[in-house]
Amino acid sequence: LGQFFIGFAENLLQLDLKPTEFKVVIYILKMMDYGNLVSLKQSTIAKDLKLDKSAVNRAWKVLIAKKVLIDNGHIYFNSNFCTKGLSSSLDKERIENLKRSNVSDENIKKMLNL
C-alpha cells in the first residue's frame, strides 16, 4: 500500500492554498510520522520537490500562519486538517503528538476528540 492519511474536508476546504503551498502540504503528509510529527528540513522538501528553498520557506511560513503547521518546539501537522494513523492504534508517545498537533479556533473546527 502507498502512503495514506485521513483528511477532514470541512477544515481543508477553508484553506486557500497556492500551488506551492499545496505541494508542500502533500509532501509533508506523505513523509510525516504517525502522530503528525513533522521531522523534515525545508531544504529536503525543496530538493525533493525541485523547488527553490525560498519558495518552500515562504510556504512554510504561510502554513504556520494558517495553523496547518503547529510550531511548539517541534513541528506538527494540525490534526484538525489531516491525521496519519488512527488514534486507537497509536502508542502513547504518538497519541501525545496528536494532542500537541490538535489546534482549533473560530476558523478551524475541532475534528478529533483526544
C-alpha atoms as a PDB file:
ATOM      1  CA  LEU A   1       0.000   0.000   0.000  1.00  0.00           C
ATOM      2  CA  GLY A   2       1.026   3.578  -0.609  1.00  0.00           C
ATOM      3  CA  GLN A   3       1.099   6.337   1.968  1.00  0.00           C
ATOM      4  CA  PHE A   4      -2.297   7.497   3.191  1.00  0.00           C
ATOM      5  CA  PHE A   5      -3.776   9.946   5.660  1.00  0.00           C
ATOM      6  CA  ILE A   6      -7.221  10.849   6.941  1.00  0.00           C
ATOM      7  CA  GLY A   7      -8.368  14.311   5.876  1.00  0.00           C
ATOM      8  CA  PHE A   8     -11.200  16.419   7.246  1.00  0.00           C
ATOM      9  CA  ALA A   9     -12.857  18.116   4.275  1.00  0.00           C
ATOM     10  CA  GLU A  10     -14.722  20.699   6.350  1.00  0.00           C
ATOM     11  CA  ASN A  11     -11.438  22.274   7.500  1.00  0.00           C
ATOM     12  CA  LEU A  12      -9.420  21.539   4.362  1.00  0.00           C
ATOM     13  CA  LEU A  13     -11.937  23.409   2.232  1.00  0.00           C
ATOM     14  CA  GLN A  14     -11.264  26.545   4.315  1.00  0.00           C
ATOM     15  CA  LEU A  15      -7.634  26.617   3.194  1.00  0.00           C
ATOM     16  CA  ASP A  16      -6.893  28.858   0.262  1.00  0.00           C
ATOM     17  CA  LEU A  17      -3.528  27.397  -0.723  1.00  0.00           C
ATOM     18  CA  LYS A  18      -1.333  28.452  -3.602  1.00  0.00           C
ATOM     19  CA  PRO A  19       0.094  25.627  -5.742  1.00  0.00           C
ATOM     20  CA  THR A  20       3.484  25.598  -3.988  1.00  0.00           C
ATOM     21  CA  GLU A  21       1.840  25.541  -0.562  1.00  0.00           C
ATOM     22  CA  PHE A  22      -0.382  22.666  -1.675  1.00  0.00           C
ATOM     23  CA  LYS A  23       2.626  20.687  -2.958  1.00  0.00           C
ATOM     24  CA  VAL A  24       4.430  21.224   0.331  1.00  0.00           C
ATOM     25  CA  VAL A  25       1.345  20.072   2.270  1.00  0.00           C
ATOM     26  CA  ILE A  26       1.027  16.882   0.229  1.00  0.00           C
ATOM     27  CA  TYR A  27       4.749  16.148   0.583  1.00  0.00           C
ATOM     28  CA  ILE A  28       4.568  16.671   4.360  1.00  0.00           C
ATOM     29  CA  LEU A  29       1.533  14.393   4.602  1.00  0.00           C
ATOM     30  CA  LYS A  30       3.406  11.714   2.692  1.00  0.00           C
ATOM     31  CA  MET A  31       6.528  11.957   4.830  1.00  0.00           C
ATOM     32  CA  MET A  32       5.298  12.842   8.340  1.00  0.00           C
ATOM     33  CA  ASP A  33       5.385  10.360  11.197  1.00  0.00           C
ATOM     34  CA  TYR A  34       2.319   8.663  12.623  1.00  0.00           C
ATOM     35  CA  GLY A  35       1.001  11.056  15.236  1.00  0.00           C
ATOM     36  CA  ASN A  36       1.568  14.045  12.905  1.00  0.00           C
ATOM     37  CA  LEU A  37       5.147  14.883  13.915  1.00  0.00           C
ATOM     38  CA  VAL A  38       6.934  16.593  11.016  1.00  0.00           C
ATOM     39  CA  SER A  39      10.641  15.695  11.060  1.00  0.00           C
ATOM     40  CA  LEU A  40      11.634  17.319   7.774  1.00  0.00           C
ATOM     41  CA  LYS A  41      14.068  20.020   6.777  1.00  0.00           C
ATOM     42  CA  GLN A  42      12.847  22.669   4.396  1.00  0.00           C
ATOM     43  CA  SER A  43      15.951  22.104   2.254  1.00  0.00           C
ATOM     44  CA  THR A  44      14.979  18.428   1.850  1.00  0.00           C
ATOM     45  CA  ILE A  45      11.464  19.406   0.796  1.00  0.00           C
ATOM     46  CA  ALA A  46      12.867  21.893  -1.732  1.00  0.00           C
ATOM     47  CA  LYS A  47      15.287  19.329  -3.166  1.00  0.00           C
ATOM     48  CA  ASP A  48      12.735  16.526  -3.409  1.00  0.00           C
ATOM     49  CA  LEU A  49      10.044  18.750  -4.947  1.00  0.00           C
ATOM     50  CA  LYS A  50      12.548  20.585  -7.172  1.00  0.00           C
ATOM     51  CA  LEU A  51      11.504  23.922  -5.690  1.00  0.00           C
ATOM     52  CA  ASP A  52      13.567  26.927  -4.700  1.00  0.00           C
ATOM     53  CA  LYS A  53      14.410  26.951  -0.977  1.00  0.00           C
ATOM     54  CA  SER A  54      12.941  30.432  -0.606  1.00  0.00           C
ATOM     55  CA  ALA A  55       9.618  29.248  -2.100  1.00  0.00           C
ATOM     56  CA  VAL A  56       9.452  26.404   0.422  1.00  0.00           C
ATOM     57  CA  ASN A  57      10.337  28.800   3.240  1.00  0.00           C
ATOM     58  CA  ARG A  58       7.515  31.165   2.197  1.00  0.00           C
ATOM     59  CA  ALA A  59       5.069  28.243   2.008  1.00  0.00           C
ATOM     60  CA  TRP A  60       6.240  27.018   5.433  1.00  0.00           C
ATOM     61  CA  LYS A  61       5.572  30.443   6.977  1.00  0.00           C
ATOM     62  CA  VAL A  62       2.101  30.595   5.392  1.00  0.00           C
ATOM     63  CA  LEU A  63       1.273  27.104   6.669  1.00  0.00           C
ATOM     64  CA  ILE A  64       2.302  28.120  10.194  1.00  0.00           C
ATOM     65  CA  ALA A  65       0.273  31.346   9.942  1.00  0.00           C
ATOM     66  CA  LYS A  66      -2.789  29.350   8.810  1.00  0.00           C
ATOM     67  CA  LYS A  67      -2.204  26.883  11.676  1.00  0.00           C
ATOM     68  CA  VAL A  68      -1.760  23.975   9.284  1.00  0.00           C
ATOM     69  CA  LEU A  69       1.681  23.500  10.800  1.00  0.00           C
ATOM     70  CA  ILE A  70       1.950  23.891  14.552  1.00  0.00           C
ATOM     71  CA  ASP A  71       5.296  25.028  15.967  1.00  0.00           C
ATOM     72  CA  ASN A  72       5.577  24.420  19.700  1.00  0.00           C
ATOM     73  CA  GLY A  73       9.201  23.377  19.920  1.00  0.00           C
ATOM     74  CA  HIS A  74       8.605  20.667  17.313  1.00  0.00           C
ATOM     75  CA  ILE A  75       6.632  20.981  14.101  1.00  0.00           C
ATOM     76  CA  TYR A  76       3.317  19.135  13.882  1.00  0.00           C
ATOM     77  CA  PHE A  77       0.708  18.920  11.140  1.00  0.00           C
ATOM     78  CA  ASN A  78      -2.567  20.134  12.643  1.00  0.00           C
ATOM     79  CA  SER A  79      -4.661  17.022  13.220  1.00  0.00           C
ATOM     80  CA  ASN A  80      -7.851  19.003  12.646  1.00  0.00           C
ATOM     81  CA  PHE A  81      -6.921  19.095   8.944  1.00  0.00           C
ATOM     82  CA  CYS A  82      -5.394  15.640   8.494  1.00  0.00           C
ATOM     83  CA  THR A  83      -4.058  12.841  10.602  1.00  0.00           C
ATOM     84  CA  LYS A  84      -1.725   9.965   9.882  1.00  0.00           C
ATOM     85  CA  GLY A  85      -2.734   6.915  11.845  1.00  0.00           C
ATOM     86  CA  LEU A  86      -5.834   6.115  13.842  1.00  0.00           C
ATOM     87  CA  SER A  87      -5.597   7.239  17.452  1.00  0.00           C
ATOM     88  CA  SER A  88      -6.820   3.818  18.593  1.00  0.00           C
ATOM     89  CA  SER A  89      -3.766   2.135  17.036  1.00  0.00           C
ATOM     90  CA  LEU A  90      -1.053   4.598  18.121  1.00  0.00           C
ATOM     91  CA  ASP A  91       1.317   4.207  21.049  1.00  0.00           C
ATOM     92  CA  LYS A  92       1.303   6.671  23.965  1.00  0.00           C
ATOM     93  CA  GLU A  93       4.040   8.922  22.519  1.00  0.00           C
ATOM     94  CA  ARG A  94       2.242   9.289  19.197  1.00  0.00           C
ATOM     95  CA  ILE A  95      -1.077   9.974  20.962  1.00  0.00           C
ATOM     96  CA  GLU A  96       0.676  12.791  22.829  1.00  0.00           C
ATOM     97  CA  ASN A  97       1.977  14.109  19.487  1.00  0.00           C
ATOM     98  CA  LEU A  98      -1.573  14.096  18.116  1.00  0.00           C
ATOM     99  CA  LYS A  99      -2.726  16.057  21.153  1.00  0.00           C
ATOM    100  CA  ARG A 100       0.055  18.617  20.615  1.00  0.00           C
ATOM    101  CA  SER A 101      -0.982  18.938  16.969  1.00  0.00           C
ATOM    102  CA  ASN A 102      -4.662  19.444  17.756  1.00  0.00           C
ATOM    103  CA  VAL A 103      -5.223  23.207  17.452  1.00  0.00           C
ATOM    104  CA  SER A 104      -8.632  24.683  16.758  1.00  0.00           C
ATOM    105  CA  ASP A 105     -10.095  28.189  16.767  1.00  0.00           C
ATOM    106  CA  GLU A 106     -13.058  30.065  15.315  1.00  0.00           C
ATOM    107  CA  ASN A 107     -11.933  29.075  11.782  1.00  0.00           C
ATOM    108  CA  ILE A 108     -10.639  25.550  12.428  1.00  0.00           C
ATOM    109  CA  LYS A 109     -13.250  23.126  13.704  1.00  0.00           C
ATOM    110  CA  LYS A 110     -12.105  20.504  16.240  1.00  0.00           C
ATOM    111  CA  MET A 111     -12.327  17.151  14.441  1.00  0.00           C
ATOM    112  CA  LEU A 112     -10.638  14.743  16.873  1.00  0.00           C
ATOM    113  CA  ASN A 113     -11.595  14.094  20.472  1.00  0.00           C
ATOM    114  CA  LEU A 114      -8.309  13.258  22.122  1.00  0.00           C
END
